[in-house]
């Protein structure tokens, strides 16, 4: 077999066709495939993050609902302006039931306490300590939200074995006007 220019050109064309097809066809296709794979990976990451956020959203909604229920239960324990006198009457009845003298109650100016109002009552009562302790226990069991920010207890000068208690009872309530 004779190896001449014609065979050399044919051999060159045989090597040039695959090289040219790689260079002009396969290499751009491979680059395009790599870009598509990167885009798919990026979208998968975004999809996973979205799924995580969606799952978290469900737990956040449940937590929000639970907090709303707790707020409603607390607000149910808050009397309105009109019901405040009933609470004062309950406190007075608790003192009498505990064996204490009828307390003297002086209402002070209501104070704004966050979203609600606080009605401070200056109360002075006398009686034996066991009755006063029973009164405090019953006051704690009231369905209303109250607190005792200050209290002084001293011996009674009039009756031996008795005490006099002066304290401020704060009752939280909802202001209907606001």
C-alpha atoms as a PDB file:
ATOM      1  CA  UNK A   1       0.000   0.000   0.000  1.00  0.00           C
ATOM      2  CA  UNK A   2       1.197   3.343  -0.972  1.00  0.00           C
ATOM      3  CA  UNK A   3       1.083   6.185   1.551  1.00  0.00           C
ATOM      4  CA  UNK A   4       0.772   9.480  -0.276  1.00  0.00           C
ATOM      5  CA  UNK A   5      -0.796  12.870   0.044  1.00  0.00           C
ATOM      6  CA  UNK A   6      -4.241  11.557  -0.611  1.00  0.00           C
ATOM      7  CA  UNK A   7      -3.983   9.018   2.186  1.00  0.00           C
ATOM      8  CA  UNK A   8      -2.354  11.613   4.442  1.00  0.00           C
ATOM      9  CA  UNK A   9      -5.254  14.049   3.855  1.00  0.00           C
ATOM     10  CA  UNK A  10      -7.750  11.254   4.490  1.00  0.00           C
ATOM     11  CA  UNK A  11      -5.976  10.363   7.717  1.00  0.00           C
ATOM     12  CA  UNK A  12      -5.941  14.040   8.706  1.00  0.00           C
ATOM     13  CA  UNK A  13      -9.674  14.336   7.978  1.00  0.00           C
ATOM     14  CA  UNK A  14     -10.330  11.186  10.011  1.00  0.00           C
ATOM     15  CA  UNK A  15      -8.558  12.715  13.012  1.00  0.00           C
ATOM     16  CA  UNK A  16      -9.991  16.224  12.419  1.00  0.00           C
ATOM     17  CA  UNK A  17     -13.666  15.172  12.351  1.00  0.00           C
ATOM     18  CA  UNK A  18     -13.743  13.735  15.904  1.00  0.00           C
ATOM     19  CA  UNK A  19     -11.587  16.569  17.235  1.00  0.00           C
ATOM     20  CA  UNK A  20     -13.790  19.187  15.576  1.00  0.00           C
ATOM     21  CA  UNK A  21     -16.957  17.474  16.773  1.00  0.00           C
ATOM     22  CA  UNK A  22     -15.560  17.379  20.308  1.00  0.00           C
ATOM     23  CA  UNK A  23     -14.483  21.010  20.119  1.00  0.00           C
ATOM     24  CA  UNK A  24     -17.631  22.428  18.486  1.00  0.00           C
ATOM     25  CA  UNK A  25     -20.353  20.033  19.624  1.00  0.00           C
ATOM     26  CA  UNK A  26     -19.526  17.965  22.696  1.00  0.00           C
ATOM     27  CA  UNK A  27     -17.552  20.559  24.685  1.00  0.00           C
ATOM     28  CA  UNK A  28     -20.348  23.218  24.517  1.00  0.00           C
ATOM     29  CA  UNK A  29     -22.910  20.508  25.317  1.00  0.00           C
ATOM     30  CA  UNK A  30     -20.875  19.387  28.346  1.00  0.00           C
ATOM     31  CA  UNK A  31     -20.599  22.991  29.545  1.00  0.00           C
ATOM     32  CA  UNK A  32     -24.341  23.427  29.130  1.00  0.00           C
ATOM     33  CA  UNK A  33     -24.984  20.170  31.021  1.00  0.00           C
ATOM     34  CA  UNK A  34     -22.714  21.348  33.880  1.00  0.00           C
ATOM     35  CA  UNK A  35     -24.585  24.677  34.099  1.00  0.00           C
ATOM     36  CA  UNK A  36     -27.884  22.784  34.165  1.00  0.00           C
ATOM     37  CA  UNK A  37     -26.611  20.497  36.946  1.00  0.00           C
ATOM     38  CA  UNK A  38     -25.478  23.523  38.987  1.00  0.00           C
ATOM     39  CA  UNK A  39     -28.854  25.178  38.494  1.00  0.00           C
ATOM     40  CA  UNK A  40     -30.639  21.976  39.521  1.00  0.00           C
ATOM     41  CA  UNK A  41     -28.468  21.724  42.643  1.00  0.00           C
ATOM     42  CA  UNK A  42     -29.194  25.360  43.480  1.00  0.00           C
ATOM     43  CA  UNK A  43     -32.929  24.829  43.052  1.00  0.00           C
ATOM     44  CA  UNK A  44     -32.804  21.673  45.168  1.00  0.00           C
ATOM     45  CA  UNK A  45     -31.097  23.646  47.959  1.00  0.00           C
ATOM     46  CA  UNK A  46     -33.766  26.337  47.719  1.00  0.00           C
ATOM     47  CA  UNK A  47     -36.480  23.676  47.745  1.00  0.00           C
ATOM     48  CA  UNK A  48     -35.008  22.034  50.872  1.00  0.00           C
ATOM     49  CA  UNK A  49     -34.822  25.412  52.627  1.00  0.00           C
ATOM     50  CA  UNK A  50     -38.405  26.129  51.621  1.00  0.00           C
ATOM     51  CA  UNK A  51     -39.528  22.751  52.970  1.00  0.00           C
ATOM     52  CA  UNK A  52     -37.711  23.432  56.254  1.00  0.00           C
ATOM     53  CA  UNK A  53     -39.335  26.854  56.530  1.00  0.00           C
ATOM     54  CA  UNK A  54     -42.724  25.362  55.724  1.00  0.00           C
ATOM     55  CA  UNK A  55     -42.275  22.763  58.445  1.00  0.00           C
ATOM     56  CA  UNK A  56     -41.178  25.478  60.875  1.00  0.00           C
ATOM     57  CA  UNK A  57     -44.154  27.610  59.882  1.00  0.00           C
ATOM     58  CA  UNK A  58     -46.475  24.833  61.008  1.00  0.00           C
ATOM     59  CA  UNK A  59     -44.839  24.667  64.410  1.00  0.00           C
ATOM     60  CA  UNK A  60     -44.884  28.463  64.660  1.00  0.00           C
ATOM     61  CA  UNK A  61     -48.592  28.527  63.873  1.00  0.00           C
ATOM     62  CA  UNK A  62     -49.210  25.916  66.556  1.00  0.00           C
ATOM     63  CA  UNK A  63     -47.160  27.913  69.058  1.00  0.00           C
ATOM     64  CA  UNK A  64     -49.017  31.102  68.109  1.00  0.00           C
ATOM     65  CA  UNK A  65     -52.359  29.378  68.599  1.00  0.00           C
ATOM     66  CA  UNK A  66     -51.230  28.065  71.980  1.00  0.00           C
ATOM     67  CA  UNK A  67     -50.088  31.532  73.073  1.00  0.00           C
ATOM     68  CA  UNK A  68     -53.389  33.031  71.902  1.00  0.00           C
ATOM     69  CA  UNK A  69     -55.293  30.478  73.982  1.00  0.00           C
ATOM     70  CA  UNK A  70     -53.198  31.318  77.041  1.00  0.00           C
ATOM     71  CA  UNK A  71     -53.812  35.034  76.554  1.00  0.00           C
ATOM     72  CA  UNK A  72     -57.551  34.404  76.262  1.00  0.00           C
ATOM     73  CA  UNK A  73     -57.536  32.353  79.471  1.00  0.00           C
ATOM     74  CA  UNK A  74     -55.679  35.124  81.301  1.00  0.00           C
ATOM     75  CA  UNK A  75     -57.981  37.806  79.917  1.00  0.00           C
ATOM     76  CA  UNK A  76     -60.966  35.754  81.081  1.00  0.00           C
ATOM     77  CA  UNK A  77     -59.631  36.165  84.622  1.00  0.00           C
ATOM     78  CA  UNK A  78     -59.566  39.957  84.277  1.00  0.00           C
ATOM     79  CA  UNK A  79     -62.742  41.721  85.384  1.00  0.00           C
ATOM     80  CA  UNK A  80     -64.102  44.758  83.576  1.00  0.00           C
ATOM     81  CA  UNK A  81     -64.635  48.181  85.157  1.00  0.00           C
ATOM     82  CA  UNK A  82     -68.183  47.184  86.070  1.00  0.00           C
ATOM     83  CA  UNK A  83     -67.139  43.896  87.683  1.00  0.00           C
ATOM     84  CA  UNK A  84     -64.475  45.546  89.843  1.00  0.00           C
ATOM     85  CA  UNK A  85     -66.960  46.317  92.637  1.00  0.00           C
ATOM     86  CA  UNK A  86     -67.895  42.608  92.722  1.00  0.00           C
ATOM     87  CA  UNK A  87     -64.247  41.710  93.299  1.00  0.00           C
ATOM     88  CA  UNK A  88     -64.003  44.253  96.127  1.00  0.00           C
ATOM     89  CA  UNK A  89     -67.156  42.770  97.678  1.00  0.00           C
ATOM     90  CA  UNK A  90     -65.641  39.266  97.377  1.00  0.00           C
ATOM     91  CA  UNK A  91     -62.498  40.413  99.177  1.00  0.00           C
ATOM     92  CA  UNK A  92     -64.590  41.929 101.957  1.00  0.00           C
ATOM     93  CA  UNK A  93     -66.662  38.737 102.284  1.00  0.00           C
ATOM     94  CA  UNK A  94     -63.492  36.618 102.423  1.00  0.00           C
ATOM     95  CA  UNK A  95     -62.218  38.713 105.333  1.00  0.00           C
ATOM     96  CA  UNK A  96     -65.471  38.356 107.274  1.00  0.00           C
ATOM     97  CA  UNK A  97     -65.627  34.592 106.564  1.00  0.00           C
ATOM     98  CA  UNK A  98     -62.063  34.237 107.867  1.00  0.00           C
ATOM     99  CA  UNK A  99     -63.154  35.719 111.217  1.00  0.00           C
ATOM    100  CA  UNK A 100     -61.625  39.159 110.702  1.00  0.00           C
ATOM    101  CA  UNK A 101     -63.315  42.494 111.296  1.00  0.00           C
ATOM    102  CA  UNK A 102     -64.939  44.210 108.348  1.00  0.00           C
ATOM    103  CA  UNK A 103     -61.963  45.686 106.449  1.00  0.00           C
ATOM    104  CA  UNK A 104     -61.716  49.346 105.582  1.00  0.00           C
ATOM    105  CA  UNK A 105     -61.066  49.647 101.865  1.00  0.00           C
ATOM    106  CA  UNK A 106     -59.938  52.835 100.161  1.00  0.00           C
ATOM    107  CA  UNK A 107     -59.684  52.779  96.370  1.00  0.00           C
ATOM    108  CA  UNK A 108     -56.816  54.707  94.851  1.00  0.00           C
ATOM    109  CA  UNK A 109     -56.474  56.015  91.312  1.00  0.00           C
ATOM    110  CA  UNK A 110     -56.229  53.207  88.705  1.00  0.00           C
ATOM    111  CA  UNK A 111     -52.785  52.753  87.152  1.00  0.00           C
ATOM    112  CA  UNK A 112     -52.023  51.716  83.579  1.00  0.00           C
ATOM    113  CA  UNK A 113     -50.189  48.364  83.657  1.00  0.00           C
ATOM    114  CA  UNK A 114     -49.081  47.403  80.154  1.00  0.00           C
ATOM    115  CA  UNK A 115     -52.241  46.589  78.162  1.00  0.00           C
ATOM    116  CA  UNK A 116     -54.471  46.443  81.225  1.00  0.00           C
ATOM    117  CA  UNK A 117     -55.301  48.572  84.231  1.00  0.00           C
ATOM    118  CA  UNK A 118     -54.403  48.006  87.872  1.00  0.00           C
ATOM    119  CA  UNK A 119     -56.701  49.160  90.661  1.00  0.00           C
ATOM    120  CA  UNK A 120     -54.783  49.571  93.942  1.00  0.00           C
ATOM    121  CA  UNK A 121     -56.887  49.238  97.102  1.00  0.00           C
ATOM    122  CA  UNK A 122     -55.556  50.294 100.522  1.00  0.00           C
ATOM    123  CA  UNK A 123     -56.972  47.800 102.984  1.00  0.00           C
ATOM    124  CA  UNK A 124     -56.775  47.772 106.765  1.00  0.00           C
ATOM    125  CA  UNK A 125     -58.142  44.850 108.742  1.00  0.00           C
ATOM    126  CA  UNK A 126     -57.852  43.481 112.255  1.00  0.00           C
ATOM    127  CA  UNK A 127     -58.282  40.039 113.763  1.00  0.00           C
ATOM    128  CA  UNK A 128     -56.283  37.026 114.808  1.00  0.00           C
ATOM    129  CA  UNK A 129     -53.347  35.834 112.740  1.00  0.00           C
ATOM    130  CA  UNK A 130     -54.911  32.463 111.855  1.00  0.00           C
ATOM    131  CA  UNK A 131     -57.908  34.230 110.352  1.00  0.00           C
ATOM    132  CA  UNK A 132     -55.616  36.567 108.439  1.00  0.00           C
ATOM    133  CA  UNK A 133     -53.653  33.590 107.106  1.00  0.00           C
ATOM    134  CA  UNK A 134     -56.906  31.898 106.055  1.00  0.00           C
ATOM    135  CA  UNK A 135     -57.942  35.145 104.350  1.00  0.00           C
ATOM    136  CA  UNK A 136     -54.668  35.250 102.383  1.00  0.00           C
ATOM    137  CA  UNK A 137     -55.091  31.635 101.276  1.00  0.00           C
ATOM    138  CA  UNK A 138     -58.631  32.310 100.058  1.00  0.00           C
ATOM    139  CA  UNK A 139     -57.510  35.529  98.368  1.00  0.00           C
ATOM    140  CA  UNK A 140     -54.901  33.514  96.491  1.00  0.00           C
ATOM    141  CA  UNK A 141     -57.613  31.129  95.271  1.00  0.00           C
ATOM    142  CA  UNK A 142     -59.713  33.921  93.797  1.00  0.00           C
ATOM    143  CA  UNK A 143     -60.312  33.591  90.080  1.00  0.00           C
ATOM    144  CA  UNK A 144     -59.028  37.131  89.517  1.00  0.00           C
ATOM    145  CA  UNK A 145     -55.444  38.289  89.039  1.00  0.00           C
ATOM    146  CA  UNK A 146     -54.315  40.192  92.127  1.00  0.00           C
ATOM    147  CA  UNK A 147     -51.085  41.030  93.887  1.00  0.00           C
ATOM    148  CA  UNK A 148     -49.956  42.429  97.232  1.00  0.00           C
ATOM    149  CA  UNK A 149     -47.116  44.870  96.542  1.00  0.00           C
ATOM    150  CA  UNK A 150     -46.716  45.983 100.166  1.00  0.00           C
ATOM    151  CA  UNK A 151     -47.951  44.866 103.561  1.00  0.00           C
ATOM    152  CA  UNK A 152     -47.356  45.728 107.185  1.00  0.00           C
ATOM    153  CA  UNK A 153     -48.530  43.573 110.078  1.00  0.00           C
ATOM    154  CA  UNK A 154     -48.391  44.728 113.683  1.00  0.00           C
ATOM    155  CA  UNK A 155     -49.876  43.783 117.049  1.00  0.00           C
ATOM    156  CA  UNK A 156     -53.178  45.273 117.971  1.00  0.00           C
ATOM    157  CA  UNK A 157     -53.129  47.756 120.835  1.00  0.00           C
ATOM    158  CA  UNK A 158     -56.822  47.233 121.569  1.00  0.00           C
ATOM    159  CA  UNK A 159     -57.208  43.445 121.766  1.00  0.00           C
ATOM    160  CA  UNK A 160     -54.598  41.091 123.124  1.00  0.00           C
ATOM    161  CA  UNK A 161     -53.581  38.325 120.675  1.00  0.00           C
ATOM    162  CA  UNK A 162     -54.895  40.158 117.642  1.00  0.00           C
ATOM    163  CA  UNK A 163     -53.071  41.887 114.838  1.00  0.00           C
ATOM    164  CA  UNK A 164     -53.675  44.741 112.446  1.00  0.00           C
ATOM    165  CA  UNK A 165     -52.703  44.373 108.816  1.00  0.00           C
ATOM    166  CA  UNK A 166     -52.361  47.239 106.381  1.00  0.00           C
ATOM    167  CA  UNK A 167     -51.682  46.332 102.771  1.00  0.00           C
ATOM    168  CA  UNK A 168     -52.261  47.358  99.203  1.00  0.00           C
ATOM    169  CA  UNK A 169     -54.219  44.900  97.094  1.00  0.00           C
ATOM    170  CA  UNK A 170     -53.865  45.490  93.373  1.00  0.00           C
ATOM    171  CA  UNK A 171     -56.566  44.057  91.132  1.00  0.00           C
ATOM    172  CA  UNK A 172     -55.893  43.878  87.404  1.00  0.00           C
ATOM    173  CA  UNK A 173     -58.838  44.665  85.137  1.00  0.00           C
ATOM    174  CA  UNK A 174     -59.727  45.440  81.538  1.00  0.00           C
ATOM    175  CA  UNK A 175     -60.636  49.013  80.813  1.00  0.00           C
ATOM    176  CA  UNK A 176     -63.787  48.859  78.671  1.00  0.00           C
ATOM    177  CA  UNK A 177     -63.403  52.480  77.626  1.00  0.00           C
ATOM    178  CA  UNK A 178     -59.950  51.875  76.149  1.00  0.00           C
END
